[in-house]
Amino acid sequence: MSETPPQDTADFDTMARDIAEVPAVEVIVTVAVNLMSAAAVKLGLTEEGDQYKDLDEARKLVHALAGLLDAGATEISSFHAAPLRDGLKSLQLAFREASVVPDAPGQGPGEKYTGAVFG
C-alpha cells in the first residue's frame, strides 16, 4: 500500500488565496467552457473526429452543462450566459444528429432544463 505524502499547508493556503481572488462569474464561465469542450470531444466534433466519440459520456456532460447554465444564468448576466446557451444548443443539436436512435423531443441531454431543442 503506497502512502500519500502529506500536503504542504503553505501550498494549500496559497491555492485558497489564489481562488479567493477569482470572481464567481469567472469560475462559473470557466467550468461551463470546460464542460462544453469535453462534450465536443465526446461528440466527435474535434479534429480527431470519432477517435474519442462516446455518446454516453457526451450526454452526461451536456446535461451537466445545461444544469449549470440553468442554475447560474441569473448570476453571470446575459453577456456571459447568451453565448454559453448558444453553445449548449449547438451541442444538443450535435448530440441529436449523432444519435442512431434520437431521443424524443424534450428527452435529450439537458432538455430537462432547456426544453426541447430543434434545429
N, C-alpha and C. Protein backbone atom coordinates (compact mmCIF):
# COMPACT_ATOMS: atom_id res chain seq x y z
N MET A 1 0.84 -1.17 0.00
CA MET A 1 0.00 0.00 0.00
C MET A 1 0.89 1.24 0.00
N SER A 2 0.67 2.13 -0.94
CA SER A 2 1.51 3.33 -1.01
C SER A 2 0.94 4.41 -0.10
N GLU A 3 1.84 5.19 0.40
CA GLU A 3 1.45 6.25 1.32
C GLU A 3 1.43 7.57 0.56
N THR A 4 0.36 8.35 0.75
CA THR A 4 0.27 9.65 0.11
C THR A 4 1.10 10.64 0.92
N PRO A 5 1.96 11.39 0.26
CA PRO A 5 2.77 12.35 1.01
C PRO A 5 1.88 13.44 1.61
N PRO A 6 2.24 13.93 2.78
CA PRO A 6 1.42 14.98 3.39
C PRO A 6 1.44 16.25 2.53
N GLN A 7 0.29 16.88 2.44
CA GLN A 7 0.21 18.11 1.62
C GLN A 7 0.80 19.27 2.42
N ASP A 8 1.55 20.05 1.74
CA ASP A 8 2.17 21.22 2.34
C ASP A 8 1.08 22.25 2.63
N THR A 9 0.94 22.63 3.88
CA THR A 9 -0.09 23.58 4.29
C THR A 9 0.09 24.92 3.59
N ALA A 10 1.33 25.33 3.38
CA ALA A 10 1.59 26.59 2.70
C ALA A 10 1.07 26.55 1.26
N ASP A 11 1.23 25.41 0.58
CA ASP A 11 0.71 25.27 -0.79
C ASP A 11 -0.81 25.39 -0.80
N PHE A 12 -1.46 24.74 0.16
CA PHE A 12 -2.92 24.79 0.24
C PHE A 12 -3.38 26.22 0.52
N ASP A 13 -2.73 26.90 1.42
CA ASP A 13 -3.08 28.28 1.74
C ASP A 13 -2.92 29.18 0.52
N THR A 14 -1.86 28.96 -0.26
CA THR A 14 -1.63 29.74 -1.48
C THR A 14 -2.73 29.48 -2.49
N MET A 15 -3.11 28.20 -2.66
CA MET A 15 -4.19 27.87 -3.60
C MET A 15 -5.50 28.52 -3.16
N ALA A 16 -5.80 28.45 -1.89
CA ALA A 16 -7.04 29.04 -1.37
C ALA A 16 -7.04 30.55 -1.58
N ARG A 17 -5.92 31.19 -1.35
CA ARG A 17 -5.80 32.64 -1.54
C ARG A 17 -5.97 32.98 -3.02
N ASP A 18 -5.38 32.18 -3.90
CA ASP A 18 -5.49 32.43 -5.34
C ASP A 18 -6.94 32.30 -5.81
N ILE A 19 -7.62 31.26 -5.38
CA ILE A 19 -9.01 31.06 -5.82
C ILE A 19 -9.93 32.10 -5.20
N ALA A 20 -9.58 32.60 -4.05
CA ALA A 20 -10.39 33.63 -3.39
C ALA A 20 -10.39 34.92 -4.20
N GLU A 21 -9.37 35.14 -5.00
CA GLU A 21 -9.26 36.36 -5.79
C GLU A 21 -10.01 36.28 -7.12
N VAL A 22 -10.50 35.10 -7.48
CA VAL A 22 -11.20 34.92 -8.75
C VAL A 22 -12.69 35.18 -8.54
N PRO A 23 -13.28 36.08 -9.33
CA PRO A 23 -14.72 36.34 -9.20
C PRO A 23 -15.54 35.09 -9.54
N ALA A 24 -16.66 34.93 -8.87
CA ALA A 24 -17.53 33.77 -9.06
C ALA A 24 -17.95 33.62 -10.52
N VAL A 25 -18.23 34.74 -11.18
CA VAL A 25 -18.64 34.69 -12.59
C VAL A 25 -17.56 34.00 -13.42
N GLU A 26 -16.33 34.32 -13.16
CA GLU A 26 -15.22 33.72 -13.91
C GLU A 26 -15.12 32.22 -13.65
N VAL A 27 -15.34 31.81 -12.42
CA VAL A 27 -15.31 30.38 -12.09
C VAL A 27 -16.43 29.65 -12.82
N ILE A 28 -17.64 30.19 -12.77
CA ILE A 28 -18.79 29.56 -13.42
C ILE A 28 -18.57 29.45 -14.94
N VAL A 29 -18.13 30.54 -15.56
CA VAL A 29 -17.90 30.54 -17.00
C VAL A 29 -16.80 29.55 -17.37
N THR A 30 -15.74 29.50 -16.58
CA THR A 30 -14.64 28.57 -16.85
C THR A 30 -15.11 27.13 -16.78
N VAL A 31 -15.90 26.81 -15.77
CA VAL A 31 -16.43 25.44 -15.65
C VAL A 31 -17.33 25.13 -16.84
N ALA A 32 -18.17 26.08 -17.23
CA ALA A 32 -19.06 25.87 -18.37
C ALA A 32 -18.27 25.62 -19.65
N VAL A 33 -17.23 26.40 -19.88
CA VAL A 33 -16.42 26.22 -21.08
C VAL A 33 -15.71 24.86 -21.05
N ASN A 34 -15.25 24.44 -19.89
CA ASN A 34 -14.61 23.12 -19.78
C ASN A 34 -15.61 22.01 -20.08
N LEU A 35 -16.84 22.14 -19.59
CA LEU A 35 -17.88 21.14 -19.89
C LEU A 35 -18.19 21.13 -21.39
N MET A 36 -18.26 22.31 -21.99
CA MET A 36 -18.54 22.40 -23.43
C MET A 36 -17.42 21.73 -24.23
N SER A 37 -16.20 22.00 -23.86
CA SER A 37 -15.06 21.43 -24.58
C SER A 37 -15.04 19.91 -24.46
N ALA A 38 -15.27 19.42 -23.25
CA ALA A 38 -15.28 17.97 -23.04
C ALA A 38 -16.42 17.32 -23.82
N ALA A 39 -17.59 17.96 -23.83
CA ALA A 39 -18.73 17.42 -24.57
C ALA A 39 -18.44 17.39 -26.07
N ALA A 40 -17.80 18.43 -26.58
CA ALA A 40 -17.46 18.47 -28.01
C ALA A 40 -16.53 17.32 -28.38
N VAL A 41 -15.57 17.04 -27.52
CA VAL A 41 -14.66 15.91 -27.76
C VAL A 41 -15.44 14.60 -27.78
N LYS A 42 -16.31 14.42 -26.80
CA LYS A 42 -17.07 13.17 -26.69
C LYS A 42 -18.12 13.03 -27.80
N LEU A 43 -18.48 14.15 -28.43
CA LEU A 43 -19.39 14.10 -29.57
C LEU A 43 -18.66 13.90 -30.89
N GLY A 44 -17.32 13.88 -30.84
CA GLY A 44 -16.54 13.69 -32.06
C GLY A 44 -16.43 14.94 -32.90
N LEU A 45 -16.54 16.12 -32.29
CA LEU A 45 -16.55 17.37 -33.02
C LEU A 45 -15.18 18.03 -33.13
N THR A 46 -14.14 17.34 -32.71
CA THR A 46 -12.80 17.90 -32.75
C THR A 46 -12.05 17.38 -33.98
N GLU A 47 -10.83 17.84 -34.16
CA GLU A 47 -10.01 17.39 -35.29
C GLU A 47 -9.80 15.88 -35.29
N GLU A 48 -9.78 15.29 -34.11
CA GLU A 48 -9.58 13.83 -34.01
C GLU A 48 -10.82 13.06 -34.46
N GLY A 49 -11.93 13.76 -34.62
CA GLY A 49 -13.15 13.12 -35.08
C GLY A 49 -13.68 12.09 -34.11
N ASP A 50 -13.96 10.91 -34.64
CA ASP A 50 -14.60 9.85 -33.85
C ASP A 50 -13.67 9.12 -32.89
N GLN A 51 -12.40 9.48 -32.87
CA GLN A 51 -11.44 8.76 -32.03
C GLN A 51 -11.88 8.72 -30.56
N TYR A 52 -12.43 9.82 -30.06
CA TYR A 52 -12.83 9.89 -28.65
C TYR A 52 -14.35 9.94 -28.48
N LYS A 53 -15.08 9.66 -29.54
CA LYS A 53 -16.54 9.77 -29.51
C LYS A 53 -17.13 8.76 -28.53
N ASP A 54 -17.98 9.27 -27.65
CA ASP A 54 -18.65 8.44 -26.65
C ASP A 54 -19.94 9.17 -26.27
N LEU A 55 -21.04 8.78 -26.88
CA LEU A 55 -22.30 9.50 -26.68
C LEU A 55 -22.83 9.39 -25.26
N ASP A 56 -22.55 8.29 -24.58
CA ASP A 56 -22.99 8.18 -23.18
C ASP A 56 -22.30 9.23 -22.32
N GLU A 57 -21.01 9.39 -22.52
CA GLU A 57 -20.26 10.41 -21.78
C GLU A 57 -20.69 11.81 -22.21
N ALA A 58 -20.93 12.01 -23.50
CA ALA A 58 -21.37 13.31 -24.01
C ALA A 58 -22.70 13.70 -23.38
N ARG A 59 -23.61 12.74 -23.27
CA ARG A 59 -24.92 13.02 -22.66
C ARG A 59 -24.75 13.57 -21.25
N LYS A 60 -23.90 12.96 -20.47
CA LYS A 60 -23.68 13.41 -19.09
C LYS A 60 -23.12 14.82 -19.05
N LEU A 61 -22.17 15.10 -19.91
CA LEU A 61 -21.54 16.42 -19.94
C LEU A 61 -22.51 17.50 -20.39
N VAL A 62 -23.29 17.23 -21.42
CA VAL A 62 -24.26 18.21 -21.92
C VAL A 62 -25.33 18.45 -20.86
N HIS A 63 -25.77 17.39 -20.21
CA HIS A 63 -26.79 17.54 -19.16
C HIS A 63 -26.25 18.38 -18.00
N ALA A 64 -25.01 18.12 -17.59
CA ALA A 64 -24.39 18.90 -16.51
C ALA A 64 -24.24 20.37 -16.91
N LEU A 65 -23.85 20.62 -18.14
CA LEU A 65 -23.72 21.99 -18.64
C LEU A 65 -25.07 22.70 -18.59
N ALA A 66 -26.12 22.03 -19.04
CA ALA A 66 -27.45 22.64 -19.03
C ALA A 66 -27.89 22.96 -17.61
N GLY A 67 -27.61 22.06 -16.68
CA GLY A 67 -27.96 22.31 -15.28
C GLY A 67 -27.20 23.49 -14.71
N LEU A 68 -25.92 23.57 -15.01
CA LEU A 68 -25.10 24.69 -14.54
C LEU A 68 -25.62 26.00 -15.10
N LEU A 69 -25.91 26.04 -16.39
CA LEU A 69 -26.40 27.27 -17.00
C LEU A 69 -27.78 27.65 -16.49
N ASP A 70 -28.61 26.67 -16.25
CA ASP A 70 -29.94 26.93 -15.71
C ASP A 70 -29.82 27.55 -14.31
N ALA A 71 -28.96 26.98 -13.51
CA ALA A 71 -28.80 27.46 -12.13
C ALA A 71 -28.02 28.77 -12.06
N GLY A 72 -27.06 28.96 -12.94
CA GLY A 72 -26.18 30.10 -12.82
C GLY A 72 -26.47 31.27 -13.74
N ALA A 73 -27.43 31.13 -14.64
CA ALA A 73 -27.67 32.17 -15.64
C ALA A 73 -27.96 33.53 -15.02
N THR A 74 -28.74 33.57 -13.97
CA THR A 74 -29.06 34.86 -13.35
C THR A 74 -27.87 35.45 -12.61
N GLU A 75 -26.90 34.62 -12.31
CA GLU A 75 -25.72 35.09 -11.57
C GLU A 75 -24.62 35.60 -12.49
N ILE A 76 -24.61 35.17 -13.74
CA ILE A 76 -23.48 35.53 -14.61
C ILE A 76 -23.84 36.57 -15.67
N SER A 77 -25.03 37.04 -15.71
CA SER A 77 -25.53 38.07 -16.64
C SER A 77 -25.69 37.51 -18.05
N SER A 78 -26.54 38.17 -18.80
CA SER A 78 -26.81 37.70 -20.17
C SER A 78 -25.59 37.86 -21.07
N PHE A 79 -24.70 38.78 -20.73
CA PHE A 79 -23.47 38.97 -21.50
C PHE A 79 -22.68 37.67 -21.57
N HIS A 80 -22.60 36.95 -20.46
CA HIS A 80 -21.88 35.68 -20.41
C HIS A 80 -22.80 34.51 -20.75
N ALA A 81 -24.05 34.58 -20.31
CA ALA A 81 -24.97 33.44 -20.45
C ALA A 81 -25.38 33.19 -21.91
N ALA A 82 -25.62 34.25 -22.68
CA ALA A 82 -26.13 34.08 -24.04
C ALA A 82 -25.21 33.23 -24.93
N PRO A 83 -23.91 33.51 -25.00
CA PRO A 83 -23.06 32.66 -25.85
C PRO A 83 -22.94 31.24 -25.31
N LEU A 84 -23.00 31.09 -23.99
CA LEU A 84 -22.95 29.74 -23.42
C LEU A 84 -24.20 28.95 -23.77
N ARG A 85 -25.34 29.62 -23.75
CA ARG A 85 -26.60 28.96 -24.14
C ARG A 85 -26.56 28.58 -25.62
N ASP A 86 -26.00 29.44 -26.46
CA ASP A 86 -25.87 29.12 -27.89
C ASP A 86 -24.99 27.88 -28.07
N GLY A 87 -23.89 27.83 -27.33
CA GLY A 87 -23.01 26.67 -27.40
C GLY A 87 -23.70 25.42 -26.93
N LEU A 88 -24.47 25.53 -25.85
CA LEU A 88 -25.23 24.39 -25.34
C LEU A 88 -26.20 23.88 -26.40
N LYS A 89 -26.93 24.78 -27.03
CA LYS A 89 -27.89 24.37 -28.06
C LYS A 89 -27.17 23.66 -29.20
N SER A 90 -26.02 24.17 -29.60
CA SER A 90 -25.25 23.52 -30.67
C SER A 90 -24.84 22.11 -30.28
N LEU A 91 -24.44 21.95 -29.03
CA LEU A 91 -24.06 20.61 -28.56
C LEU A 91 -25.27 19.69 -28.50
N GLN A 92 -26.40 20.22 -28.08
CA GLN A 92 -27.61 19.40 -28.03
C GLN A 92 -28.02 18.96 -29.44
N LEU A 93 -27.93 19.86 -30.39
CA LEU A 93 -28.27 19.50 -31.77
C LEU A 93 -27.27 18.50 -32.33
N ALA A 94 -25.99 18.67 -32.02
CA ALA A 94 -24.97 17.73 -32.47
C ALA A 94 -25.21 16.35 -31.87
N PHE A 95 -25.63 16.32 -30.60
CA PHE A 95 -25.94 15.04 -29.96
C PHE A 95 -27.10 14.36 -30.67
N ARG A 96 -28.14 15.14 -30.95
CA ARG A 96 -29.32 14.58 -31.64
C ARG A 96 -28.92 14.03 -33.01
N GLU A 97 -28.07 14.76 -33.72
CA GLU A 97 -27.63 14.33 -35.05
C GLU A 97 -26.75 13.08 -34.97
N ALA A 98 -25.94 12.96 -33.94
CA ALA A 98 -25.02 11.82 -33.81
C ALA A 98 -25.71 10.56 -33.32
N SER A 99 -26.88 10.70 -32.72
CA SER A 99 -27.58 9.55 -32.16
C SER A 99 -28.21 8.70 -33.26
N VAL A 100 -28.00 7.40 -33.16
CA VAL A 100 -28.60 6.47 -34.12
C VAL A 100 -30.11 6.46 -33.93
N VAL A 101 -30.53 6.42 -32.67
CA VAL A 101 -31.94 6.49 -32.32
C VAL A 101 -32.13 7.77 -31.51
N PRO A 102 -32.61 8.84 -32.15
CA PRO A 102 -32.74 10.12 -31.44
C PRO A 102 -33.72 10.04 -30.27
N ASP A 103 -33.43 10.82 -29.24
CA ASP A 103 -34.34 10.92 -28.10
C ASP A 103 -35.62 11.61 -28.54
N ALA A 104 -36.69 11.32 -27.82
CA ALA A 104 -37.95 12.03 -28.08
C ALA A 104 -37.76 13.49 -27.73
N PRO A 105 -38.49 14.40 -28.39
CA PRO A 105 -38.37 15.82 -28.06
C PRO A 105 -38.56 16.05 -26.55
N GLY A 106 -37.65 16.79 -25.97
CA GLY A 106 -37.70 17.07 -24.54
C GLY A 106 -36.97 16.06 -23.69
N GLN A 107 -36.48 14.97 -24.31
CA GLN A 107 -35.81 13.91 -23.56
C GLN A 107 -34.31 13.85 -23.81
N GLY A 108 -33.80 14.71 -24.66
CA GLY A 108 -32.37 14.73 -24.96
C GLY A 108 -31.58 15.29 -23.79
N PRO A 109 -30.26 15.23 -23.88
CA PRO A 109 -29.43 15.71 -22.78
C PRO A 109 -29.66 17.20 -22.53
N GLY A 110 -29.95 17.53 -21.29
CA GLY A 110 -30.14 18.91 -20.88
C GLY A 110 -31.50 19.49 -21.19
N GLU A 111 -32.31 18.77 -21.95
CA GLU A 111 -33.62 19.31 -22.33
C GLU A 111 -34.57 19.42 -21.14
N LYS A 112 -34.25 18.76 -20.07
CA LYS A 112 -34.99 18.92 -18.82
C LYS A 112 -34.93 20.40 -18.40
N TYR A 113 -33.81 21.04 -18.68
CA TYR A 113 -33.58 22.42 -18.28
C TYR A 113 -33.91 23.42 -19.39
N THR A 114 -33.70 23.03 -20.65
CA THR A 114 -33.85 23.98 -21.76
C THR A 114 -35.15 23.83 -22.51
N GLY A 115 -35.83 22.72 -22.33
CA GLY A 115 -36.96 22.42 -23.17
C GLY A 115 -36.46 21.73 -24.43
N ALA A 116 -37.38 21.25 -25.23
CA ALA A 116 -37.00 20.53 -26.45
C ALA A 116 -36.18 21.43 -27.37
N VAL A 117 -35.17 20.85 -27.99
CA VAL A 117 -34.29 21.59 -28.89
C VAL A 117 -34.52 21.10 -30.31
N PHE A 118 -34.76 22.02 -31.21
CA PHE A 118 -34.98 21.70 -32.61
C PHE A 118 -34.03 22.55 -33.44
N GLY A 119 -33.61 22.03 -34.60
CA GLY A 119 -32.69 22.74 -35.50
C GLY A 119 -33.27 23.90 -36.11
